């Protein structure tokens, strides 16, 4: 026959135990809330918008795709770029020029 598991706590009332647990949970939730950064969905831009952001022509944009400077995403027949990756590419391009 299986023995029941019993936990006994001495020197504390059930209400004090409950309050102690609630305080610990609240503290953990406060820490999580302070460090929480919501995940923003990636923003995709068209070829024309990407060229305007980078201040280059669409032809140069295509050339950069072939050279691997940019990473285009194909969505069916459409080509899109992640806005965050365009910003990173600008930083990388500026670093290589220096």
N, C-alpha and C. Protein backbone atom coordinates (compact mmCIF):
# COMPACT_ATOMS: atom_id res chain seq x y z
N UNK A 1 0.84 -1.18 0.00
CA UNK A 1 0.00 0.00 0.00
C UNK A 1 0.88 1.24 0.00
N UNK A 2 0.51 2.22 -0.79
CA UNK A 2 1.29 3.44 -0.95
C UNK A 2 1.05 4.37 0.24
N UNK A 3 2.16 4.88 0.80
CA UNK A 3 2.07 5.79 1.93
C UNK A 3 1.78 7.22 1.43
N UNK A 4 0.85 7.93 2.08
CA UNK A 4 0.60 9.32 1.68
C UNK A 4 1.79 10.20 2.07
N UNK A 5 2.05 11.20 1.23
CA UNK A 5 3.14 12.14 1.50
C UNK A 5 2.57 13.27 2.34
N UNK A 6 3.17 13.49 3.50
CA UNK A 6 2.69 14.52 4.41
C UNK A 6 3.84 15.48 4.69
N UNK A 7 3.56 16.75 4.58
CA UNK A 7 4.54 17.78 4.91
C UNK A 7 4.00 18.56 6.09
N UNK A 8 4.78 18.65 7.14
CA UNK A 8 4.36 19.40 8.32
C UNK A 8 5.26 20.60 8.50
N UNK A 9 4.63 21.71 8.82
CA UNK A 9 5.37 22.95 9.06
C UNK A 9 5.02 23.41 10.47
N UNK A 10 6.05 23.63 11.27
CA UNK A 10 5.83 24.04 12.66
C UNK A 10 6.18 25.51 12.83
N UNK A 11 5.46 26.17 13.68
CA UNK A 11 5.77 27.56 14.04
C UNK A 11 5.20 28.58 13.08
N UNK A 12 4.29 28.20 12.19
CA UNK A 12 3.70 29.15 11.26
C UNK A 12 2.23 28.75 11.04
N UNK A 13 1.39 29.74 10.97
CA UNK A 13 -0.02 29.46 10.75
C UNK A 13 -0.27 29.30 9.25
N UNK A 14 -1.35 28.67 8.87
CA UNK A 14 -1.66 28.53 7.44
C UNK A 14 -1.78 29.88 6.73
N UNK A 15 -2.33 30.89 7.41
CA UNK A 15 -2.44 32.22 6.80
C UNK A 15 -1.07 32.86 6.59
N UNK A 16 -0.16 32.66 7.53
CA UNK A 16 1.19 33.21 7.39
C UNK A 16 1.93 32.52 6.23
N UNK A 17 1.74 31.21 6.12
CA UNK A 17 2.35 30.46 5.01
C UNK A 17 1.81 30.95 3.68
N UNK A 18 0.52 31.12 3.61
CA UNK A 18 -0.11 31.60 2.38
C UNK A 18 0.42 32.99 2.01
N UNK A 19 0.50 33.87 2.98
CA UNK A 19 0.99 35.23 2.74
C UNK A 19 2.46 35.22 2.31
N UNK A 20 3.26 34.36 2.91
CA UNK A 20 4.67 34.25 2.54
C UNK A 20 4.82 33.80 1.09
N UNK A 21 4.04 32.82 0.70
CA UNK A 21 4.10 32.33 -0.69
C UNK A 21 3.64 33.41 -1.65
N UNK A 22 2.55 34.10 -1.31
CA UNK A 22 2.05 35.17 -2.18
C UNK A 22 3.07 36.29 -2.34
N UNK A 23 3.76 36.65 -1.25
CA UNK A 23 4.78 37.70 -1.33
C UNK A 23 5.93 37.29 -2.25
N UNK A 24 6.36 36.03 -2.15
CA UNK A 24 7.44 35.55 -3.02
C UNK A 24 7.01 35.55 -4.48
N UNK A 25 5.78 35.12 -4.74
CA UNK A 25 5.28 35.11 -6.12
C UNK A 25 5.18 36.54 -6.65
N UNK A 26 4.69 37.46 -5.84
CA UNK A 26 4.60 38.88 -6.26
C UNK A 26 5.98 39.44 -6.58
N UNK A 27 6.97 39.13 -5.75
CA UNK A 27 8.33 39.62 -6.00
C UNK A 27 8.87 39.09 -7.33
N UNK A 28 8.64 37.81 -7.59
CA UNK A 28 9.10 37.23 -8.86
C UNK A 28 8.39 37.87 -10.05
N UNK A 29 7.09 38.11 -9.91
CA UNK A 29 6.34 38.76 -10.99
C UNK A 29 6.82 40.18 -11.24
N UNK A 30 7.17 40.90 -10.17
CA UNK A 30 7.70 42.26 -10.33
C UNK A 30 9.02 42.23 -11.10
N UNK A 31 9.89 41.27 -10.77
CA UNK A 31 11.17 41.16 -11.48
C UNK A 31 10.95 40.82 -12.95
N UNK A 32 10.03 39.92 -13.22
CA UNK A 32 9.74 39.58 -14.61
C UNK A 32 9.17 40.77 -15.36
N UNK A 33 8.30 41.54 -14.71
CA UNK A 33 7.69 42.70 -15.36
C UNK A 33 8.74 43.77 -15.67
N UNK A 34 9.72 43.93 -14.80
CA UNK A 34 10.76 44.94 -15.03
C UNK A 34 11.66 44.55 -16.19
N UNK A 35 11.92 43.26 -16.36
CA UNK A 35 12.82 42.79 -17.41
C UNK A 35 12.09 42.37 -18.68
N UNK A 36 10.79 42.48 -18.68
CA UNK A 36 10.00 42.02 -19.82
C UNK A 36 10.13 42.97 -21.00
N UNK A 37 10.42 42.42 -22.15
CA UNK A 37 10.46 43.19 -23.39
C UNK A 37 9.55 42.48 -24.38
N UNK A 38 8.46 43.13 -24.76
CA UNK A 38 7.54 42.46 -25.67
C UNK A 38 8.19 42.17 -27.02
N UNK A 39 7.81 41.06 -27.58
CA UNK A 39 8.35 40.67 -28.88
C UNK A 39 7.56 41.41 -29.96
N UNK A 40 8.27 42.19 -30.74
CA UNK A 40 7.60 42.91 -31.82
C UNK A 40 7.76 42.10 -33.10
N UNK A 41 6.70 41.96 -33.84
CA UNK A 41 6.81 41.19 -35.08
C UNK A 41 7.71 41.93 -36.08
N UNK A 42 8.46 41.20 -36.88
CA UNK A 42 9.35 41.87 -37.84
C UNK A 42 8.55 42.67 -38.87
N UNK A 43 9.09 43.82 -39.20
CA UNK A 43 8.46 44.67 -40.21
C UNK A 43 9.12 44.39 -41.55
N UNK A 44 8.32 44.01 -42.53
CA UNK A 44 8.84 43.72 -43.86
C UNK A 44 8.57 44.91 -44.78
N UNK A 45 9.56 45.24 -45.61
CA UNK A 45 9.42 46.36 -46.55
C UNK A 45 9.65 45.85 -47.97
N UNK A 46 9.10 46.57 -48.93
CA UNK A 46 9.24 46.20 -50.33
C UNK A 46 10.63 46.57 -50.84
N UNK A 47 10.94 46.17 -52.07
CA UNK A 47 12.23 46.52 -52.67
C UNK A 47 12.37 48.02 -52.80
N UNK A 48 11.29 48.67 -53.25
CA UNK A 48 11.34 50.12 -53.44
C UNK A 48 11.55 50.83 -52.10
N UNK A 49 10.84 50.38 -51.06
CA UNK A 49 10.99 50.99 -49.74
C UNK A 49 12.40 50.75 -49.19
N UNK A 50 12.93 49.53 -49.42
CA UNK A 50 14.28 49.22 -48.95
C UNK A 50 15.31 50.11 -49.64
N UNK A 51 15.13 50.33 -50.94
CA UNK A 51 16.05 51.21 -51.68
C UNK A 51 15.98 52.63 -51.15
N UNK A 52 14.78 53.10 -50.81
CA UNK A 52 14.62 54.45 -50.26
C UNK A 52 15.26 54.55 -48.88
N UNK A 53 15.10 53.51 -48.06
CA UNK A 53 15.69 53.52 -46.71
C UNK A 53 17.21 53.58 -46.81
N UNK A 54 17.76 52.77 -47.71
CA UNK A 54 19.22 52.71 -47.86
C UNK A 54 19.76 53.83 -48.75
N UNK A 55 18.85 54.57 -49.39
CA UNK A 55 19.22 55.67 -50.30
C UNK A 55 20.11 55.18 -51.44
N UNK A 56 19.64 54.06 -52.04
CA UNK A 56 20.32 53.49 -53.19
C UNK A 56 19.26 53.19 -54.25
N UNK A 57 19.72 52.83 -55.45
CA UNK A 57 18.78 52.47 -56.52
C UNK A 57 18.35 51.01 -56.35
N UNK A 58 17.27 50.65 -57.02
CA UNK A 58 16.78 49.27 -56.98
C UNK A 58 17.80 48.34 -57.64
N UNK A 59 18.52 48.84 -58.63
CA UNK A 59 19.56 48.04 -59.29
C UNK A 59 20.69 47.72 -58.31
N UNK A 60 21.12 48.72 -57.53
CA UNK A 60 22.15 48.49 -56.52
C UNK A 60 21.65 47.51 -55.47
N UNK A 61 20.37 47.63 -55.13
CA UNK A 61 19.76 46.71 -54.17
C UNK A 61 19.87 45.27 -54.67
N UNK A 62 19.55 45.05 -55.95
CA UNK A 62 19.67 43.71 -56.53
C UNK A 62 21.11 43.22 -56.52
N UNK A 63 22.04 44.14 -56.79
CA UNK A 63 23.46 43.79 -56.77
C UNK A 63 23.89 43.38 -55.36
N UNK A 64 23.42 44.09 -54.35
CA UNK A 64 23.75 43.76 -52.96
C UNK A 64 23.15 42.41 -52.56
N UNK A 65 22.01 42.07 -53.13
CA UNK A 65 21.42 40.75 -52.87
C UNK A 65 22.34 39.66 -53.39
N UNK A 66 22.85 39.85 -54.61
CA UNK A 66 23.73 38.85 -55.22
C UNK A 66 25.05 38.72 -54.46
N UNK A 67 25.55 39.85 -53.93
CA UNK A 67 26.80 39.84 -53.18
C UNK A 67 26.62 39.33 -51.75
N UNK A 68 25.38 39.18 -51.31
CA UNK A 68 25.13 38.68 -49.96
C UNK A 68 25.16 39.75 -48.88
N UNK A 69 25.16 41.01 -49.30
CA UNK A 69 25.14 42.11 -48.33
C UNK A 69 23.77 42.18 -47.65
N UNK A 70 22.74 41.93 -48.43
CA UNK A 70 21.37 41.93 -47.91
C UNK A 70 20.78 40.54 -48.02
N UNK A 71 19.76 40.28 -47.20
CA UNK A 71 19.11 38.98 -47.20
C UNK A 71 17.63 39.17 -47.55
N UNK A 72 17.27 39.00 -48.83
CA UNK A 72 15.86 39.16 -49.22
C UNK A 72 15.04 37.93 -48.84
N UNK A 73 13.76 38.17 -48.58
CA UNK A 73 12.83 37.08 -48.26
C UNK A 73 11.79 37.03 -49.37
N UNK A 74 11.59 35.84 -49.89
CA UNK A 74 10.61 35.67 -50.95
C UNK A 74 9.31 35.18 -50.35
N UNK A 75 8.25 35.93 -50.57
CA UNK A 75 6.91 35.57 -50.12
C UNK A 75 6.06 35.39 -51.37
N UNK A 76 6.01 34.17 -51.88
CA UNK A 76 5.33 33.93 -53.15
C UNK A 76 6.13 34.59 -54.27
N UNK A 77 5.51 35.49 -55.00
CA UNK A 77 6.19 36.23 -56.06
C UNK A 77 6.81 37.52 -55.56
N UNK A 78 6.62 37.83 -54.30
CA UNK A 78 7.07 39.10 -53.74
C UNK A 78 8.43 38.95 -53.06
N UNK A 79 9.21 40.01 -53.11
CA UNK A 79 10.48 40.05 -52.40
C UNK A 79 10.35 41.11 -51.32
N UNK A 80 10.70 40.72 -50.10
CA UNK A 80 10.61 41.64 -48.96
C UNK A 80 11.92 41.59 -48.18
N UNK A 81 12.15 42.65 -47.40
CA UNK A 81 13.33 42.76 -46.55
C UNK A 81 12.86 43.10 -45.14
N UNK A 82 13.56 42.56 -44.16
CA UNK A 82 13.26 42.90 -42.78
C UNK A 82 13.89 44.25 -42.48
N UNK A 83 13.11 45.13 -41.89
CA UNK A 83 13.58 46.49 -41.60
C UNK A 83 14.80 46.46 -40.67
N UNK A 84 14.76 45.61 -39.65
CA UNK A 84 15.88 45.52 -38.71
C UNK A 84 17.16 45.07 -39.40
N UNK A 85 17.04 44.17 -40.37
CA UNK A 85 18.23 43.70 -41.09
C UNK A 85 18.79 44.78 -42.00
N UNK A 86 17.94 45.65 -42.52
CA UNK A 86 18.43 46.77 -43.33
C UNK A 86 19.26 47.71 -42.46
N UNK A 87 18.77 47.98 -41.25
CA UNK A 87 19.52 48.85 -40.33
C UNK A 87 20.86 48.22 -39.97
N UNK A 88 20.88 46.90 -39.73
CA UNK A 88 22.13 46.21 -39.42
C UNK A 88 23.09 46.26 -40.61
N UNK A 89 22.55 46.11 -41.81
CA UNK A 89 23.39 46.16 -43.02
C UNK A 89 24.05 47.52 -43.16
N UNK A 90 23.32 48.58 -42.84
CA UNK A 90 23.91 49.93 -42.91
C UNK A 90 25.08 50.05 -41.94
N UNK A 91 24.93 49.52 -40.75
CA UNK A 91 26.01 49.58 -39.77
C UNK A 91 27.22 48.79 -40.27
N UNK A 92 26.99 47.61 -40.82
CA UNK A 92 28.09 46.79 -41.33
C UNK A 92 28.81 47.46 -42.50
N UNK A 93 28.04 48.08 -43.38
CA UNK A 93 28.63 48.77 -44.53
C UNK A 93 29.51 49.92 -44.06
N UNK A 94 29.02 50.67 -43.07
CA UNK A 94 29.81 51.79 -42.54
C UNK A 94 31.07 51.30 -41.85
N UNK A 95 31.01 50.16 -41.19
CA UNK A 95 32.19 49.62 -40.51
C UNK A 95 33.26 49.21 -41.52
N UNK A 96 32.85 48.62 -42.65
CA UNK A 96 33.82 48.16 -43.63
C UNK A 96 34.45 49.33 -44.39
N UNK A 97 33.76 50.45 -44.46
CA UNK A 97 34.32 51.62 -45.15
C UNK A 97 35.44 52.26 -44.34
N UNK A 98 35.42 52.12 -43.03
CA UNK A 98 36.40 52.79 -42.18
C UNK A 98 37.67 52.03 -42.07
